C-alpha atoms as a PDB file:
ATOM      1  CA  MET A   1     -37.308  -0.687   7.232  1.00  0.00           C
ATOM      2  CA  THR A   2     -35.127  -2.461   9.747  1.00  0.00           C
ATOM      3  CA  ALA A   3     -36.198  -1.661  13.440  1.00  0.00           C
ATOM      4  CA  ALA A   4     -32.796  -2.339  15.056  1.00  0.00           C
ATOM      5  CA  PRO A   5     -29.169  -3.425  14.302  1.00  0.00           C
ATOM      6  CA  HIS A   6     -28.588  -6.918  13.150  1.00  0.00           C
ATOM      7  CA  PRO A   7     -25.307  -8.895  12.802  1.00  0.00           C
ATOM      8  CA  SER A   8     -23.554  -8.882   9.552  1.00  0.00           C
ATOM      9  CA  PRO A   9     -23.731 -12.248   7.473  1.00  0.00           C
ATOM     10  CA  ALA A  10     -19.808 -12.148   7.690  1.00  0.00           C
ATOM     11  CA  ALA A  11     -19.989 -12.210  11.412  1.00  0.00           C
ATOM     12  CA  ASP A  12     -18.817 -15.811  11.693  1.00  0.00           C
ATOM     13  CA  THR A  13     -15.593 -14.936   9.837  1.00  0.00           C
ATOM     14  CA  ALA A  14     -14.794 -11.678  11.707  1.00  0.00           C
ATOM     15  CA  ASP A  15     -12.047 -11.098  14.152  1.00  0.00           C
ATOM     16  CA  ALA A  16     -13.644 -11.484  17.539  1.00  0.00           C
ATOM     17  CA  ALA A  17     -10.833  -9.647  19.207  1.00  0.00           C
ATOM     18  CA  LEU A  18     -11.858  -6.470  17.388  1.00  0.00           C
ATOM     19  CA  PRO A  19     -14.757  -4.216  18.577  1.00  0.00           C
ATOM     20  CA  CYS A  20     -18.144  -4.580  16.885  1.00  0.00           C
ATOM     21  CA  VAL A  21     -18.824  -1.740  14.585  1.00  0.00           C
ATOM     22  CA  ARG A  22     -22.314  -0.358  14.071  1.00  0.00           C
ATOM     23  CA  ILE A  23     -22.791   0.773  10.450  1.00  0.00           C
ATOM     24  CA  GLY A  24     -25.933   2.543   9.356  1.00  0.00           C
ATOM     25  CA  LEU A  25     -27.047   2.000   5.659  1.00  0.00           C
ATOM     26  CA  VAL A  26     -29.567   4.298   4.021  1.00  0.00           C
ATOM     27  CA  ALA A  27     -30.992   4.134   0.510  1.00  0.00           C
ATOM     28  CA  ALA A  28     -33.060   7.255  -0.428  1.00  0.00           C
ATOM     29  CA  SER A  29     -35.247   6.300  -3.387  1.00  0.00           C
ATOM     30  CA  ASP A  30     -38.836   7.220  -4.099  1.00  0.00           C
ATOM     31  CA  ARG A  31     -39.389   4.369  -6.527  1.00  0.00           C
ATOM     32  CA  ALA A  32     -37.419   1.663  -4.555  1.00  0.00           C
ATOM     33  CA  SER A  33     -38.977   2.652  -1.186  1.00  0.00           C
ATOM     34  CA  SER A  34     -42.486   2.271  -2.833  1.00  0.00           C
ATOM     35  CA  GLY A  35     -41.700  -1.122  -4.216  1.00  0.00           C
ATOM     36  CA  ALA A  36     -41.531  -0.100  -7.892  1.00  0.00           C
ATOM     37  CA  TYR A  37     -38.175  -1.845  -8.194  1.00  0.00           C
ATOM     38  CA  ALA A  38     -35.770  -3.642  -5.962  1.00  0.00           C
ATOM     39  CA  ASP A  39     -32.989  -1.519  -4.429  1.00  0.00           C
ATOM     40  CA  GLU A  40     -29.538  -2.614  -5.264  1.00  0.00           C
ATOM     41  CA  GLY A  41     -27.431  -0.216  -3.250  1.00  0.00           C
ATOM     42  CA  LEU A  42     -28.075  -1.652   0.177  1.00  0.00           C
ATOM     43  CA  PRO A  43     -27.172  -5.290  -0.687  1.00  0.00           C
ATOM     44  CA  ALA A  44     -24.018  -4.041  -2.496  1.00  0.00           C
ATOM     45  CA  LEU A  45     -22.958  -2.074   0.615  1.00  0.00           C
ATOM     46  CA  ARG A  46     -23.342  -5.012   2.851  1.00  0.00           C
ATOM     47  CA  GLN A  47     -21.553  -7.396   0.451  1.00  0.00           C
ATOM     48  CA  TRP A  48     -18.547  -5.110   0.033  1.00  0.00           C
ATOM     49  CA  LEU A  49     -18.244  -4.290   3.786  1.00  0.00           C
ATOM     50  CA  GLY A  50     -18.603  -8.011   4.562  1.00  0.00           C
ATOM     51  CA  ARG A  51     -15.428  -8.610   2.369  1.00  0.00           C
ATOM     52  CA  ALA A  52     -13.476  -5.534   3.371  1.00  0.00           C
ATOM     53  CA  VAL A  53     -14.017  -5.228   7.256  1.00  0.00           C
ATOM     54  CA  ARG A  54     -12.514  -7.731   9.697  1.00  0.00           C
ATOM     55  CA  ASN A  55     -14.452  -6.449  12.697  1.00  0.00           C
ATOM     56  CA  PRO A  56     -17.818  -7.955  13.701  1.00  0.00           C
ATOM     57  CA  MET A  57     -20.558  -5.652  12.250  1.00  0.00           C
ATOM     58  CA  GLU A  58     -24.126  -4.751  13.008  1.00  0.00           C
ATOM     59  CA  PHE A  59     -26.075  -3.055  10.343  1.00  0.00           C
ATOM     60  CA  ALA A  60     -29.106  -0.680  10.805  1.00  0.00           C
ATOM     61  CA  GLN A  61     -30.725  -0.604   7.445  1.00  0.00           C
ATOM     62  CA  ARG A  62     -33.178   1.955   6.116  1.00  0.00           C
ATOM     63  CA  LEU A  63     -34.892   2.224   2.743  1.00  0.00           C
ATOM     64  CA  ILE A  64     -36.816   5.576   2.594  1.00  0.00           C
ATOM     65  CA  PRO A  65     -38.261   8.040   0.019  1.00  0.00           C
ATOM     66  CA  ASP A  66     -36.412  11.209  -1.184  1.00  0.00           C
ATOM     67  CA  GLU A  67     -37.831  13.383   1.542  1.00  0.00           C
ATOM     68  CA  GLN A  68     -35.284  15.707   3.147  1.00  0.00           C
ATOM     69  CA  PRO A  69     -36.881  15.864   6.628  1.00  0.00           C
ATOM     70  CA  LEU A  70     -37.230  12.097   6.639  1.00  0.00           C
ATOM     71  CA  ILE A  71     -33.599  11.551   5.527  1.00  0.00           C
ATOM     72  CA  GLU A  72     -32.417  14.024   8.245  1.00  0.00           C
ATOM     73  CA  ARG A  73     -34.394  12.262  11.018  1.00  0.00           C
ATOM     74  CA  THR A  74     -33.077   8.959   9.819  1.00  0.00           C
ATOM     75  CA  LEU A  75     -29.419  10.143   9.971  1.00  0.00           C
ATOM     76  CA  ILE A  76     -29.948  11.534  13.450  1.00  0.00           C
ATOM     77  CA  GLU A  77     -31.694   8.291  14.633  1.00  0.00           C
ATOM     78  CA  LEU A  78     -28.867   6.201  13.390  1.00  0.00           C
ATOM     79  CA  VAL A  79     -26.117   8.325  14.957  1.00  0.00           C
ATOM     80  CA  ASP A  80     -27.707   9.723  18.076  1.00  0.00           C
ATOM     81  CA  GLU A  81     -30.096   6.757  19.016  1.00  0.00           C
ATOM     82  CA  ILE A  82     -28.610   3.587  17.640  1.00  0.00           C
ATOM     83  CA  GLY A  83     -25.032   4.767  18.023  1.00  0.00           C
ATOM     84  CA  CYS A  84     -23.590   3.981  14.492  1.00  0.00           C
ATOM     85  CA  ASP A  85     -19.873   4.712  14.039  1.00  0.00           C
ATOM     86  CA  LEU A  86     -20.373   4.953  10.305  1.00  0.00           C
ATOM     87  CA  VAL A  87     -23.335   5.769   8.014  1.00  0.00           C
ATOM     88  CA  LEU A  88     -23.329   5.300   4.340  1.00  0.00           C
ATOM     89  CA  THR A  89     -26.108   6.500   2.060  1.00  0.00           C
ATOM     90  CA  THR A  90     -26.999   5.748  -1.614  1.00  0.00           C
ATOM     91  CA  GLY A  91     -29.089   7.751  -3.993  1.00  0.00           C
ATOM     92  CA  GLY A  92     -30.440  11.230  -4.227  1.00  0.00           C
ATOM     93  CA  THR A  93     -26.978  12.981  -4.922  1.00  0.00           C
ATOM     94  CA  GLY A  94     -27.602  14.283  -8.502  1.00  0.00           C
ATOM     95  CA  PRO A  95     -28.996  17.728  -9.538  1.00  0.00           C
ATOM     96  CA  ALA A  96     -32.772  16.742  -9.981  1.00  0.00           C
ATOM     97  CA  PRO A  97     -35.305  18.461  -7.674  1.00  0.00           C
ATOM     98  CA  ARG A  98     -35.889  15.295  -5.648  1.00  0.00           C
ATOM     99  CA  ASP A  99     -32.239  14.675  -5.030  1.00  0.00           C
ATOM    100  CA  VAL A 100     -31.867  16.069  -1.477  1.00  0.00           C
ATOM    101  CA  THR A 101     -29.559  13.595   0.255  1.00  0.00           C
ATOM    102  CA  PRO A 102     -26.559  15.989   0.390  1.00  0.00           C
ATOM    103  CA  GLU A 103     -28.829  18.770   1.844  1.00  0.00           C
ATOM    104  CA  ALA A 104     -30.124  16.435   4.479  1.00  0.00           C
ATOM    105  CA  THR A 105     -26.527  15.291   5.256  1.00  0.00           C
ATOM    106  CA  LEU A 106     -25.231  18.785   5.595  1.00  0.00           C
ATOM    107  CA  ALA A 107     -28.275  19.762   7.653  1.00  0.00           C
ATOM    108  CA  VAL A 108     -27.221  17.267  10.549  1.00  0.00           C
ATOM    109  CA  ALA A 109     -23.420  17.778  10.181  1.00  0.00           C
ATOM    110  CA  ASP A 110     -21.241  19.062  12.913  1.00  0.00           C
ATOM    111  CA  ARG A 111     -18.272  19.224  10.398  1.00  0.00           C
ATOM    112  CA  VAL A 112     -17.914  18.788   6.659  1.00  0.00           C
ATOM    113  CA  MET A 113     -15.167  16.585   5.189  1.00  0.00           C
ATOM    114  CA  PRO A 114     -14.938  17.778   1.703  1.00  0.00           C
ATOM    115  CA  GLY A 115     -12.120  15.461   0.599  1.00  0.00           C
ATOM    116  CA  PHE A 116     -14.462  12.401   0.489  1.00  0.00           C
ATOM    117  CA  GLY A 117     -16.777  14.002  -2.060  1.00  0.00           C
ATOM    118  CA  GLU A 118     -13.878  15.265  -4.223  1.00  0.00           C
ATOM    119  CA  GLN A 119     -12.337  11.785  -4.471  1.00  0.00           C
ATOM    120  CA  MET A 120     -15.613  10.138  -5.282  1.00  0.00           C
ATOM    121  CA  ARG A 121     -16.019  12.415  -8.155  1.00  0.00           C
ATOM    122  CA  GLN A 122     -12.481  11.839  -9.250  1.00  0.00           C
ATOM    123  CA  ILE A 123     -13.049   8.067  -9.236  1.00  0.00           C
ATOM    124  CA  SER A 124     -16.275   8.362 -11.247  1.00  0.00           C
ATOM    125  CA  LEU A 125     -14.662  10.699 -13.743  1.00  0.00           C
ATOM    126  CA  HIS A 126     -12.609   7.804 -14.974  1.00  0.00           C
ATOM    127  CA  PHE A 127     -15.848   6.389 -16.476  1.00  0.00           C
ATOM    128  CA  VAL A 128     -18.292   9.148 -17.269  1.00  0.00           C
ATOM    129  CA  PRO A 129     -17.978  12.988 -17.681  1.00  0.00           C
ATOM    130  CA  THR A 130     -21.305  13.332 -15.914  1.00  0.00           C
ATOM    131  CA  ALA A 131     -19.575  12.495 -12.561  1.00  0.00           C
ATOM    132  CA  ILE A 132     -19.165  16.252 -12.080  1.00  0.00           C
ATOM    133  CA  LEU A 133     -22.969  16.399 -11.621  1.00  0.00           C
ATOM    134  CA  SER A 134     -22.687  14.323  -8.365  1.00  0.00           C
ATOM    135  CA  ARG A 135     -23.053  16.327  -5.144  1.00  0.00           C
ATOM    136  CA  GLN A 136     -21.914  13.578  -2.748  1.00  0.00           C
ATOM    137  CA  VAL A 137     -20.636  14.848   0.639  1.00  0.00           C
ATOM    138  CA  GLY A 138     -18.872  13.504   3.666  1.00  0.00           C
ATOM    139  CA  VAL A 139     -19.662  14.913   7.189  1.00  0.00           C
ATOM    140  CA  VAL A 140     -18.990  14.178  10.862  1.00  0.00           C
ATOM    141  CA  ARG A 141     -21.848  14.178  13.390  1.00  0.00           C
ATOM    142  CA  GLY A 142     -20.632  13.622  16.917  1.00  0.00           C
ATOM    143  CA  ARG A 143     -18.434  10.489  16.795  1.00  0.00           C
ATOM    144  CA  ALA A 144     -19.854   9.132  13.440  1.00  0.00           C
ATOM    145  CA  LEU A 145     -18.881   9.627   9.905  1.00  0.00           C
ATOM    146  CA  ILE A 146     -21.620   9.994   7.307  1.00  0.00           C
ATOM    147  CA  LEU A 147     -20.832   9.461   3.510  1.00  0.00           C
ATOM    148  CA  ASN A 148     -23.068   9.788   0.444  1.00  0.00           C
ATOM    149  CA  LEU A 149     -22.287   7.046  -2.004  1.00  0.00           C
ATOM    150  CA  PRO A 150     -23.546   6.167  -5.514  1.00  0.00           C
ATOM    151  CA  GLY A 151     -26.494   3.818  -5.906  1.00  0.00           C
ATOM    152  CA  ARG A 152     -25.277   1.280  -8.433  1.00  0.00           C
ATOM    153  CA  PRO A 153     -23.391  -1.768  -7.011  1.00  0.00           C
ATOM    154  CA  ARG A 154     -20.327  -1.504  -9.391  1.00  0.00           C
ATOM    155  CA  ALA A 155     -20.050   2.152  -8.645  1.00  0.00           C
ATOM    156  CA  ILE A 156     -20.242   1.594  -4.939  1.00  0.00           C
ATOM    157  CA  ALA A 157     -17.451  -1.008  -5.095  1.00  0.00           C
ATOM    158  CA  GLU A 158     -15.225   1.409  -7.205  1.00  0.00           C
ATOM    159  CA  THR A 159     -15.858   4.185  -4.949  1.00  0.00           C
ATOM    160  CA  LEU A 160     -15.005   2.387  -1.738  1.00  0.00           C
ATOM    161  CA  GLY A 161     -12.221   0.245  -3.034  1.00  0.00           C
ATOM    162  CA  GLY A 162     -10.711   2.408  -5.664  1.00  0.00           C
ATOM    163  CA  LEU A 163      -9.369   1.586  -9.234  1.00  0.00           C
ATOM    164  CA  GLN A 164      -6.376  -0.651 -10.185  1.00  0.00           C
ATOM    165  CA  GLY A 165      -4.834  -1.052 -13.654  1.00  0.00           C
ATOM    166  CA  GLN A 166      -4.096  -4.310 -15.371  1.00  0.00           C
ATOM    167  CA  ASP A 167      -0.758  -4.302 -13.838  1.00  0.00           C
ATOM    168  CA  GLY A 168      -2.245  -4.102 -10.293  1.00  0.00           C
ATOM    169  CA  GLN A 169      -1.036  -0.524  -9.792  1.00  0.00           C
ATOM    170  CA  THR A 170      -3.441   2.018  -8.186  1.00  0.00           C
ATOM    171  CA  ILE A 171      -5.136   4.368 -10.616  1.00  0.00           C
ATOM    172  CA  ALA A 172      -7.359   6.004  -8.030  1.00  0.00           C
ATOM    173  CA  HIS A 173      -7.604   5.482  -4.242  1.00  0.00           C
ATOM    174  CA  GLY A 174     -10.915   4.394  -2.927  1.00  0.00           C
ATOM    175  CA  ILE A 175     -12.369   6.403  -0.053  1.00  0.00           C
ATOM    176  CA  PHE A 176     -12.615   3.600   2.380  1.00  0.00           C
ATOM    177  CA  ALA A 177      -8.824   3.566   2.797  1.00  0.00           C
ATOM    178  CA  ALA A 178      -9.208   6.794   4.659  1.00  0.00           C
ATOM    179  CA  VAL A 179     -12.312   5.666   6.780  1.00  0.00           C
ATOM    180  CA  PRO A 180     -10.646   3.851   9.578  1.00  0.00           C
ATOM    181  CA  TYR A 181      -8.290   6.696  10.405  1.00  0.00           C
ATOM    182  CA  CYS A 182     -10.966   9.207  10.249  1.00  0.00           C
ATOM    183  CA  LEU A 183     -12.995   7.088  12.783  1.00  0.00           C
ATOM    184  CA  ASP A 184      -9.874   6.963  14.944  1.00  0.00           C
ATOM    185  CA  LEU A 185      -9.699  10.827  15.023  1.00  0.00           C
ATOM    186  CA  ILE A 186     -13.328  11.446  15.942  1.00  0.00           C
ATOM    187  CA  GLY A 187     -13.402   8.662  18.596  1.00  0.00           C
ATOM    188  CA  ALA A 188     -15.404   6.031  16.778  1.00  0.00           C
ATOM    189  CA  ALA A 189     -14.819   2.345  16.927  1.00  0.00           C
ATOM    190  CA  ARG A 190     -11.646   1.146  15.352  1.00  0.00           C
ATOM    191  CA  ILE A 191     -11.944  -0.582  12.028  1.00  0.00           C
ATOM    192  CA  GLU A 192      -9.475  -3.039  10.679  1.00  0.00           C
ATOM    193  CA  THR A 193      -9.775  -4.059   6.944  1.00  0.00           C
ATOM    194  CA  ASP A 194      -8.709  -7.041   4.835  1.00  0.00           C
ATOM    195  CA  PRO A 195      -5.611  -5.643   2.868  1.00  0.00           C
ATOM    196  CA  ALA A 196      -6.635  -7.866  -0.066  1.00  0.00           C
ATOM    197  CA  VAL A 197      -9.690  -5.823  -0.395  1.00  0.00           C
ATOM    198  CA  CYS A 198      -8.894  -2.477   0.986  1.00  0.00           C
ATOM    199  CA  GLN A 199      -5.606  -1.260   2.374  1.00  0.00           C
ATOM    200  CA  ALA A 200      -6.497   1.090   5.150  1.00  0.00           C
ATOM    201  CA  PHE A 201      -3.930   3.871   5.675  1.00  0.00           C
ATOM    202  CA  ARG A 202      -2.860   4.981   9.102  1.00  0.00           C
ATOM    203  CA  PRO A 203       0.247   7.195   9.652  1.00  0.00           C
ATOM    204  CA  LYS A 204       3.168   5.543  11.166  1.00  0.00           C
ATOM    205  CA  LYS A 205       3.859   6.635  14.796  1.00  0.00           C
END
C-alpha cells in the first residue's frame, strides 16, 4: 500500500505549465492483495495514463481485499484526505458475492454519473456477451470523479481509449475523452491529453 502520492514516471515529459493532477488508483482483489498473484490492473492504469495525460501527475496507489468497508474508507481517504482529482478502481464489479466495488463506490457518492458505466459496457460488448454482467459505475464525490474499470490491461486500455477500426474510424468512444470536461465542471484540476492517445472533448465556447 502506498502511503502518500508519488510522481508519475512520465513526469519528466509532462507539460510543466499544466497543473499537477492527483490520481488515486485502487485495485480490489482478495487474491492479489494476499500475494497469490501479481496485480496487473494498477501497472496498466499507470502506463495508459502516462501516455495519455500531458499534466504532471501524482499517483496514490492502493491494493486491497474485496471488503466493502475497506474500499469505502480507501475512496474517502483518497478524495477527502489526499485530495485526488480522479480515482480509478479495478476489480470487484461482477455479480459474484465478493464483488462489492460498485456498492462501495455508490456508498461514498454525492452524485451518480450513469453514462460512464453504460459506455464501459458498450465497449466490452464488442468482445464478449458477458459484458452485461459488469456493474461498473461512475460517481462524483466532492470535487473528484471516481470510476470503476475492468481489471485486465487490454480491457483497461480499450475502456479508457476506445475502439478504432482498421481504417482508423472510431467504433466506440473511450470514456476518458469525457473525463477532462467532467473534471472542469466539478471544479477539479484541468487535464490536457495527448490527442494521439485520447482526444478529449470540450464544447466550443
